[in-house]
C-alpha atoms as a PDB file:
ATOM      1  CA  LYS A   1       0.000   0.000   0.000  1.00  0.00           C
ATOM      2  CA  GLU A   2       2.878   2.354   0.680  1.00  0.00           C
ATOM      3  CA  ASN A   3       4.437   1.797  -2.758  1.00  0.00           C
ATOM      4  CA  ILE A   4       4.482   4.836  -5.030  1.00  0.00           C
ATOM      5  CA  ALA A   5       1.811   4.725  -7.743  1.00  0.00           C
ATOM      6  CA  LEU A   6       2.275   8.159  -9.331  1.00  0.00           C
ATOM      7  CA  TYR A   7       4.933  10.845  -9.568  1.00  0.00           C
ATOM      8  CA  LEU A   8       3.402  14.264 -10.209  1.00  0.00           C
ATOM      9  CA  GLU A   9       4.954  17.121 -12.137  1.00  0.00           C
ATOM     10  CA  SER A  10       5.128  19.085  -8.885  1.00  0.00           C
ATOM     11  CA  GLY A  11       7.420  16.460  -7.404  1.00  0.00           C
ATOM     12  CA  GLU A  12       4.718  15.080  -5.129  1.00  0.00           C
ATOM     13  CA  THR A  13       4.243  11.317  -4.959  1.00  0.00           C
ATOM     14  CA  ILE A  14       0.955   9.421  -4.630  1.00  0.00           C
ATOM     15  CA  SER A  15       0.862   5.983  -3.007  1.00  0.00           C
ATOM     16  CA  TYR A  16      -1.466   3.106  -3.845  1.00  0.00           C
ATOM     17  CA  GLN A  17      -3.011   3.587  -0.415  1.00  0.00           C
ATOM     18  CA  GLN A  18      -3.891   7.196  -1.272  1.00  0.00           C
ATOM     19  CA  ILE A  19      -5.441   6.053  -4.558  1.00  0.00           C
ATOM     20  CA  ALA A  20      -7.476   3.412  -2.727  1.00  0.00           C
ATOM     21  CA  GLN A  21      -8.759   6.041  -0.282  1.00  0.00           C
ATOM     22  CA  SER A  22      -9.754   8.357  -3.142  1.00  0.00           C
ATOM     23  CA  GLN A  23     -11.513   5.462  -4.891  1.00  0.00           C
ATOM     24  CA  LYS A  24     -13.494   4.830  -1.725  1.00  0.00           C
ATOM     25  CA  GLU A  25     -14.533   8.495  -1.446  1.00  0.00           C
ATOM     26  CA  ILE A  26     -15.541   8.778  -5.102  1.00  0.00           C
ATOM     27  CA  GLY A  27     -17.265   5.395  -5.099  1.00  0.00           C
ATOM     28  CA  SER A  28     -19.467   6.413  -2.193  1.00  0.00           C
ATOM     29  CA  VAL A  29     -21.454   8.782  -4.451  1.00  0.00           C
ATOM     30  CA  LEU A  30     -21.635   6.596  -7.571  1.00  0.00           C
ATOM     31  CA  ARG A  31     -24.620   4.305  -8.082  1.00  0.00           C
ATOM     32  CA  GLY A  32     -25.600   1.723 -10.656  1.00  0.00           C
ATOM     33  CA  ARG A  33     -24.192   0.041 -13.734  1.00  0.00           C
ATOM     34  CA  THR A  34     -23.982   2.807 -16.320  1.00  0.00           C
ATOM     35  CA  VAL A  35     -21.744   4.865 -18.632  1.00  0.00           C
ATOM     36  CA  ALA A  36     -19.706   7.852 -17.437  1.00  0.00           C
ATOM     37  CA  VAL A  37     -18.148  10.330 -19.869  1.00  0.00           C
ATOM     38  CA  LEU A  38     -14.633  11.294 -18.785  1.00  0.00           C
ATOM     39  CA  VAL A  39     -13.141  14.395 -20.436  1.00  0.00           C
ATOM     40  CA  CYS A  40      -9.466  13.540 -20.127  1.00  0.00           C
ATOM     41  CA  ARG A  41      -6.424  15.520 -19.092  1.00  0.00           C
ATOM     42  CA  ASN A  42      -3.103  14.170 -17.852  1.00  0.00           C
ATOM     43  CA  THR A  43      -3.799  15.110 -14.252  1.00  0.00           C
ATOM     44  CA  LEU A  44      -4.207  13.349 -10.936  1.00  0.00           C
ATOM     45  CA  GLY A  45      -7.932  14.122 -10.809  1.00  0.00           C
ATOM     46  CA  CYS A  46      -8.546  12.474 -14.170  1.00  0.00           C
ATOM     47  CA  ILE A  47      -6.612   9.337 -13.224  1.00  0.00           C
ATOM     48  CA  LEU A  48      -8.466   9.036  -9.908  1.00  0.00           C
ATOM     49  CA  CYS A  49     -11.831   9.416 -11.661  1.00  0.00           C
ATOM     50  CA  TYR A  50     -10.905   6.752 -14.221  1.00  0.00           C
ATOM     51  CA  LEU A  51      -9.727   4.225 -11.646  1.00  0.00           C
ATOM     52  CA  SER A  52     -12.752   4.870  -9.429  1.00  0.00           C
ATOM     53  CA  LEU A  53     -15.204   4.337 -12.283  1.00  0.00           C
ATOM     54  CA  MET A  54     -13.529   1.065 -13.217  1.00  0.00           C
ATOM     55  CA  ARG A  55     -13.577  -0.092  -9.586  1.00  0.00           C
ATOM     56  CA  LYS A  56     -17.334   0.617  -9.347  1.00  0.00           C
ATOM     57  CA  ASP A  57     -18.023  -1.303 -12.589  1.00  0.00           C
ATOM     58  CA  ILE A  58     -19.099   1.903 -14.309  1.00  0.00           C
ATOM     59  CA  VAL A  59     -18.038   2.145 -17.971  1.00  0.00           C
ATOM     60  CA  PRO A  60     -15.810   5.163 -18.754  1.00  0.00           C
ATOM     61  CA  LEU A  61     -16.138   6.753 -22.189  1.00  0.00           C
ATOM     62  CA  LEU A  62     -12.870   8.637 -22.670  1.00  0.00           C
ATOM     63  CA  LEU A  63     -12.933  11.911 -24.640  1.00  0.00           C
ATOM     64  CA  PRO A  64     -10.210  14.508 -25.387  1.00  0.00           C
ATOM     65  CA  ALA A  65     -10.274  17.749 -23.410  1.00  0.00           C
ATOM     66  CA  ASN A  66     -10.156  19.848 -26.596  1.00  0.00           C
ATOM     67  CA  LEU A  67     -13.710  18.868 -27.578  1.00  0.00           C
ATOM     68  CA  GLU A  68     -16.273  21.637 -27.359  1.00  0.00           C
ATOM     69  CA  GLU A  69     -18.658  21.460 -24.418  1.00  0.00           C
ATOM     70  CA  GLN A  70     -21.732  21.049 -26.633  1.00  0.00           C
ATOM     71  CA  GLU A  71     -20.135  18.115 -28.450  1.00  0.00           C
ATOM     72  CA  VAL A  72     -19.312  16.427 -25.135  1.00  0.00           C
ATOM     73  CA  LEU A  73     -22.898  16.926 -23.953  1.00  0.00           C
ATOM     74  CA  ARG A  74     -24.210  15.521 -27.243  1.00  0.00           C
ATOM     75  CA  ILE A  75     -22.098  12.379 -26.849  1.00  0.00           C
ATOM     76  CA  THR A  76     -23.143  12.131 -23.200  1.00  0.00           C
ATOM     77  CA  GLN A  77     -26.785  12.116 -24.299  1.00  0.00           C
ATOM     78  CA  ALA A  78     -26.181   9.711 -27.195  1.00  0.00           C
ATOM     79  CA  TYR A  79     -24.649   7.125 -24.858  1.00  0.00           C
ATOM     80  CA  ARG A  80     -27.159   7.800 -22.054  1.00  0.00           C
ATOM     81  CA  ALA A  81     -24.319   8.421 -19.639  1.00  0.00           C
ATOM     82  CA  LYS A  82     -25.355   8.965 -16.042  1.00  0.00           C
ATOM     83  CA  TYR A  83     -22.188  10.798 -15.035  1.00  0.00           C
ATOM     84  CA  LEU A  84     -19.892  13.410 -16.541  1.00  0.00           C
ATOM     85  CA  CYS A  85     -16.363  13.854 -15.180  1.00  0.00           C
ATOM     86  CA  CYS A  86     -14.385  16.927 -16.217  1.00  0.00           C
ATOM     87  CA  CYS A  87     -11.932  19.463 -14.847  1.00  0.00           C
ATOM     88  CA  ARG A  88     -13.290  22.415 -12.929  1.00  0.00           C
ATOM     89  CA  GLY A  89     -14.247  25.320 -15.168  1.00  0.00           C
ATOM     90  CA  TYR A  90     -14.882  23.149 -18.233  1.00  0.00           C
ATOM     91  CA  LEU A  91     -18.695  23.236 -18.010  1.00  0.00           C
ATOM     92  CA  SER A  92     -20.767  26.365 -18.416  1.00  0.00           C
ATOM     93  CA  GLN A  93     -23.828  24.518 -17.084  1.00  0.00           C
ATOM     94  CA  ASN A  94     -25.031  25.560 -13.645  1.00  0.00           C
ATOM     95  CA  TRP A  95     -24.792  22.038 -12.235  1.00  0.00           C
ATOM     96  CA  ASN A  96     -23.699  21.154  -8.729  1.00  0.00           C
ATOM     97  CA  PRO A  97     -21.032  18.446  -8.668  1.00  0.00           C
ATOM     98  CA  LEU A  98     -21.667  15.226  -6.786  1.00  0.00           C
ATOM     99  CA  ILE A  99     -18.055  15.295  -5.639  1.00  0.00           C
ATOM    100  CA  ALA A 100     -14.853  17.223  -6.322  1.00  0.00           C
ATOM    101  CA  ILE A 101     -11.608  15.291  -6.469  1.00  0.00           C
ATOM    102  CA  GLU A 102      -8.366  17.218  -6.979  1.00  0.00           C
ATOM    103  CA  ASP A 103      -8.899  19.303 -10.162  1.00  0.00           C
ATOM    104  CA  TYR A 104     -11.960  17.299 -11.320  1.00  0.00           C
ATOM    105  CA  ASN A 105     -15.701  17.418 -10.700  1.00  0.00           C
ATOM    106  CA  ILE A 106     -18.156  14.567 -11.177  1.00  0.00           C
ATOM    107  CA  TYR A 107     -21.687  15.562 -12.218  1.00  0.00           C
ATOM    108  CA  GLU A 108     -24.878  13.511 -12.404  1.00  0.00           C
ATOM    109  CA  ILE A 109     -26.693  14.119 -15.691  1.00  0.00           C
ATOM    110  CA  PRO A 110     -30.226  15.533 -15.209  1.00  0.00           C
ATOM    111  CA  ASN A 111     -33.126  13.401 -16.509  1.00  0.00           C
ATOM    112  CA  TRP A 112     -30.902  10.350 -16.988  1.00  0.00           C
ATOM    113  CA  LYS A 113     -32.633   7.271 -18.434  1.00  0.00           C
ATOM    114  CA  LYS A 114     -31.361   3.812 -17.621  1.00  0.00           C
ATOM    115  CA  THR A 115     -30.414   1.486 -20.478  1.00  0.00           C
ATOM    116  CA  GLU A 116     -29.404  -2.159 -20.705  1.00  0.00           C
ATOM    117  CA  MET A 117     -25.679  -2.880 -21.004  1.00  0.00           C
ATOM    118  CA  SER A 118     -23.575  -5.954 -21.669  1.00  0.00           C
ATOM    119  CA  LYS A 119     -22.173  -7.368 -18.426  1.00  0.00           C
ATOM    120  CA  ASP A 120     -18.771  -7.724 -20.106  1.00  0.00           C
ATOM    121  CA  LEU A 121     -18.460  -4.089 -21.213  1.00  0.00           C
ATOM    122  CA  ALA A 122     -15.679  -2.270 -19.337  1.00  0.00           C
ATOM    123  CA  LEU A 123     -14.468   0.659 -21.450  1.00  0.00           C
ATOM    124  CA  LEU A 124     -15.435   2.809 -24.450  1.00  0.00           C
ATOM    125  CA  LEU A 125     -12.666   4.356 -26.554  1.00  0.00           C
ATOM    126  CA  THR A 126     -12.839   6.519 -29.660  1.00  0.00           C
ATOM    127  CA  THR A 127     -10.613   5.635 -32.593  1.00  0.00           C
ATOM    128  CA  SER A 128      -8.671   8.127 -34.690  1.00  0.00           C
ATOM    129  CA  GLY A 129     -11.099  10.587 -36.226  1.00  0.00           C
ATOM    130  CA  SER A 130     -14.240   8.927 -34.891  1.00  0.00           C
ATOM    131  CA  THR A 131     -15.178  11.380 -32.123  1.00  0.00           C
ATOM    132  CA  GLY A 132     -17.217  13.464 -34.577  1.00  0.00           C
ATOM    133  CA  ASP A 133     -19.770  10.702 -35.216  1.00  0.00           C
ATOM    134  CA  SER A 134     -19.917   9.322 -31.672  1.00  0.00           C
ATOM    135  CA  ARG A 135     -18.692   5.855 -32.599  1.00  0.00           C
ATOM    136  CA  CYS A 136     -16.702   3.978 -30.002  1.00  0.00           C
ATOM    137  CA  VAL A 137     -14.855   0.709 -29.645  1.00  0.00           C
ATOM    138  CA  ARG A 138     -16.304  -1.515 -26.916  1.00  0.00           C
ATOM    139  CA  LEU A 139     -13.713  -3.238 -24.754  1.00  0.00           C
ATOM    140  CA  SER A 140     -14.382  -6.005 -22.269  1.00  0.00           C
ATOM    141  CA  LYS A 141     -12.749  -6.634 -18.919  1.00  0.00           C
ATOM    142  CA  THR A 142     -11.050  -9.683 -20.433  1.00  0.00           C
ATOM    143  CA  ASN A 143      -9.701  -7.529 -23.313  1.00  0.00           C
ATOM    144  CA  ILE A 144      -8.097  -5.077 -20.919  1.00  0.00           C
ATOM    145  CA  LYS A 145      -6.728  -7.632 -18.464  1.00  0.00           C
ATOM    146  CA  SER A 146      -5.241  -9.992 -21.054  1.00  0.00           C
ATOM    147  CA  ASN A 147      -3.638  -7.105 -22.965  1.00  0.00           C
ATOM    148  CA  ALA A 148      -2.123  -5.625 -19.804  1.00  0.00           C
ATOM    149  CA  VAL A 149      -0.734  -8.992 -18.688  1.00  0.00           C
ATOM    150  CA  SER A 150       0.713  -9.660 -22.152  1.00  0.00           C
ATOM    151  CA  ILE A 151       2.410  -6.244 -22.306  1.00  0.00           C
ATOM    152  CA  CYS A 152       3.911  -6.654 -18.835  1.00  0.00           C
ATOM    153  CA  GLN A 153       5.264 -10.078 -19.805  1.00  0.00           C
ATOM    154  CA  TYR A 154       6.968  -9.238 -23.085  1.00  0.00           C
ATOM    155  CA  LEU A 155       8.292  -5.860 -21.895  1.00  0.00           C
ATOM    156  CA  LYS A 156       9.387  -7.580 -18.659  1.00  0.00           C
ATOM    157  CA  LEU A 157       7.824  -4.797 -16.594  1.00  0.00           C
ATOM    158  CA  THR A 158       8.156  -4.956 -12.823  1.00  0.00           C
ATOM    159  CA  GLN A 159       7.317  -2.621  -9.926  1.00  0.00           C
ATOM    160  CA  ASN A 160      10.739  -1.008 -10.477  1.00  0.00           C
ATOM    161  CA  GLU A 161       9.755   0.599 -13.802  1.00  0.00           C
ATOM    162  CA  ARG A 162       8.049   3.966 -14.267  1.00  0.00           C
ATOM    163  CA  ALA A 163       5.974   4.781 -17.329  1.00  0.00           C
ATOM    164  CA  ILE A 164       5.964   8.389 -18.575  1.00  0.00           C
ATOM    165  CA  THR A 165       2.587   9.885 -19.519  1.00  0.00           C
ATOM    166  CA  SER A 166       3.853  11.425 -22.750  1.00  0.00           C
ATOM    167  CA  LEU A 167       0.570  11.192 -24.703  1.00  0.00           C
ATOM    168  CA  PRO A 168      -3.052  12.199 -24.006  1.00  0.00           C
ATOM    169  CA  PHE A 169      -4.853  10.014 -21.479  1.00  0.00           C
ATOM    170  CA  HIS A 170      -7.886   9.361 -23.698  1.00  0.00           C
ATOM    171  CA  TYR A 171      -5.744   7.830 -26.439  1.00  0.00           C
ATOM    172  CA  THR A 172      -5.518   4.018 -26.483  1.00  0.00           C
ATOM    173  CA  TYR A 173      -1.725   4.223 -26.631  1.00  0.00           C
ATOM    174  CA  GLY A 174      -1.581   7.152 -24.254  1.00  0.00           C
ATOM    175  CA  LEU A 175       1.140   5.807 -21.986  1.00  0.00           C
ATOM    176  CA  SER A 176       3.811   5.192 -24.647  1.00  0.00           C
ATOM    177  CA  GLY A 177       5.401   6.704 -27.800  1.00  0.00           C
ATOM    178  CA  VAL A 178       4.087   7.429 -31.323  1.00  0.00           C
ATOM    179  CA  PRO A 179       6.230   8.319 -34.375  1.00  0.00           C
ATOM    180  CA  PHE A 180       5.662  12.053 -33.870  1.00  0.00           C
ATOM    181  CA  ASN A 181       7.327  11.926 -30.451  1.00  0.00           C
ATOM    182  CA  TYR A 182      10.445  10.328 -31.895  1.00  0.00           C
ATOM    183  CA  GLU A 183      10.499  12.652 -34.893  1.00  0.00           C
ATOM    184  CA  MET A 184      10.413  15.672 -32.570  1.00  0.00           C
ATOM    185  CA  MET A 185      13.104  14.243 -30.288  1.00  0.00           C
ATOM    186  CA  ASN A 186      15.286  13.582 -33.300  1.00  0.00           C
ATOM    187  CA  ARG A 187      14.711  17.046 -34.794  1.00  0.00           C
ATOM    188  CA  PHE A 188      15.732  18.805 -31.579  1.00  0.00           C
ATOM    189  CA  GLY A 189      18.660  16.519 -30.756  1.00  0.00           C
ATOM    190  CA  LEU A 190      16.957  15.032 -27.692  1.00  0.00           C
ATOM    191  CA  LEU A 191      17.506  11.368 -28.575  1.00  0.00           C
ATOM    192  CA  GLU A 192      21.174  11.693 -27.691  1.00  0.00           C
ATOM    193  CA  LYS A 193      20.245  13.414 -24.415  1.00  0.00           C
ATOM    194  CA  LEU A 194      17.937  10.742 -23.018  1.00  0.00           C
ATOM    195  CA  PRO A 195      18.396  10.337 -19.249  1.00  0.00           C
ATOM    196  CA  LYS A 196      20.440   7.335 -18.148  1.00  0.00           C
ATOM    197  CA  SER A 197      17.407   6.089 -16.235  1.00  0.00           C
ATOM    198  CA  ILE A 198      15.603   5.275 -19.514  1.00  0.00           C
ATOM    199  CA  LYS A 199      15.688   1.491 -19.918  1.00  0.00           C
ATOM    200  CA  ILE A 200      12.895   0.801 -22.415  1.00  0.00           C
ATOM    201  CA  LEU A 201      11.638   2.660 -25.496  1.00  0.00           C
ATOM    202  CA  THR A 202       8.422   1.554 -27.189  1.00  0.00           C
ATOM    203  CA  GLN A 203       6.813   2.751 -30.397  1.00  0.00           C
ATOM    204  CA  ALA A 204       3.366   2.196 -31.915  1.00  0.00           C
ATOM    205  CA  GLY A 205       0.458   4.284 -33.163  1.00  0.00           C
ATOM    206  CA  GLY A 206       1.793   4.637 -36.732  1.00  0.00           C
ATOM    207  CA  ARG A 207       4.723   3.834 -38.987  1.00  0.00           C
ATOM    208  CA  LEU A 208       8.184   5.002 -37.980  1.00  0.00           C
ATOM    209  CA  GLU A 209      10.408   5.826 -40.970  1.00  0.00           C
ATOM    210  CA  PRO A 210      13.078   3.118 -41.521  1.00  0.00           C
ATOM    211  CA  GLU A 211      15.960   5.621 -41.268  1.00  0.00           C
ATOM    212  CA  LEU A 212      14.783   6.815 -37.865  1.00  0.00           C
ATOM    213  CA  GLN A 213      14.102   3.231 -36.778  1.00  0.00           C
ATOM    214  CA  GLU A 214      17.717   2.390 -37.566  1.00  0.00           C
ATOM    215  CA  LYS A 215      19.050   5.454 -35.760  1.00  0.00           C
ATOM    216  CA  ILE A 216      17.079   4.708 -32.589  1.00  0.00           C
ATOM    217  CA  ALA A 217      18.021   1.022 -32.751  1.00  0.00           C
ATOM    218  CA  GLN A 218      21.732   1.873 -32.947  1.00  0.00           C
ATOM    219  CA  LEU A 219      21.395   4.356 -30.098  1.00  0.00           C
ATOM    220  CA  ALA A 220      19.563   1.719 -28.045  1.00  0.00           C
ATOM    221  CA  ILE A 221      22.383  -0.778 -28.584  1.00  0.00           C
ATOM    222  CA  GLN A 222      24.990   1.777 -27.482  1.00  0.00           C
ATOM    223  CA  ARG A 223      22.997   2.780 -24.402  1.00  0.00           C
ATOM    224  CA  LYS A 224      21.817  -0.760 -23.558  1.00  0.00           C
ATOM    225  CA  ILE A 225      18.181   0.331 -23.972  1.00  0.00           C
ATOM    226  CA  LEU A 226      15.485  -2.121 -25.094  1.00  0.00           C
ATOM    227  CA  PHE A 227      13.691  -0.687 -28.155  1.00  0.00           C
ATOM    228  CA  TYR A 228      10.362  -2.334 -29.025  1.00  0.00           C
ATOM    229  CA  ILE A 229       8.515  -1.580 -32.267  1.00  0.00           C
ATOM    230  CA  MET A 230       4.875  -2.577 -31.992  1.00  0.00           C
ATOM    231  CA  TYR A 231       1.581  -2.539 -33.864  1.00  0.00           C
ATOM    232  CA  GLY A 232      -1.850  -2.104 -32.365  1.00  0.00           C
ATOM    233  CA  GLN A 233      -5.450  -1.015 -32.776  1.00  0.00           C
ATOM    234  CA  THR A 234      -7.973   0.462 -30.387  1.00  0.00           C
ATOM    235  CA  GLU A 235     -10.242  -2.484 -31.244  1.00  0.00           C
ATOM    236  CA  ALA A 236      -7.706  -4.868 -29.702  1.00  0.00           C
ATOM    237  CA  THR A 237      -7.023  -2.821 -26.547  1.00  0.00           C
ATOM    238  CA  ALA A 238      -3.928  -1.140 -27.967  1.00  0.00           C
ATOM    239  CA  ARG A 239      -1.194  -3.624 -28.858  1.00  0.00           C
ATOM    240  CA  ILE A 240      -1.522  -6.636 -31.133  1.00  0.00           C
ATOM    241  CA  SER A 241       2.067  -7.520 -32.000  1.00  0.00           C
ATOM    242  CA  TYR A 242       5.636  -6.548 -31.194  1.00  0.00           C
ATOM    243  CA  LEU A 243       9.138  -6.969 -32.614  1.00  0.00           C
ATOM    244  CA  PRO A 244      11.729  -8.151 -30.068  1.00  0.00           C
ATOM    245  CA  PRO A 245      14.608  -5.670 -29.617  1.00  0.00           C
ATOM    246  CA  SER A 246      17.110  -8.257 -30.880  1.00  0.00           C
ATOM    247  CA  LEU A 247      15.421  -8.135 -34.291  1.00  0.00           C
END
């Protein structure tokens, strides 16, 4: 329980025990098996809301924070979501939050109507370019668990590793690297300045140019970093295949 779960930009650390306590507080106001729209930012409040919803068997629908309020409300209505979670100041509606947690508020949608849901449904994610038409990928608990276990196994992740939140939280590959990240690091000479603490580099979410692949691979060999090139889709809970660093 005392192990560190999160390192914040401020330098503060959050333990698993603190997360569990927050989950208990948030869970005390949440009722029923339903959908909750979560407007995502890379902040502690957002992460606590997400984990609390999952713990209460409420299905999060993750949306980017740059969506207009009216579009978020439209999607909320389309999916008959009972709850809306967003950072303070995002909504112009004069609604009173059920609970405030860090920088986030959780609201109960007025005039909510219950709907039947699959017992296996655990998460709703938008794919690239699909937020405009309200289509989502439906992921089951088994999808998420099996994918997480598989990733931990082939990347050999233990409690000693820290993952950097370098991409938006709502994105299926939000905790790793896409080609754009590497292209920017290469353009500004940051690849050669990677901290010595970096032990693993992963890449998915698009095609990395062969020349840059080769450059990163050579750098990884010199620095004794494991460089994994992967392929995935939102429909398969992120990652489908990977290329071992030795290849």
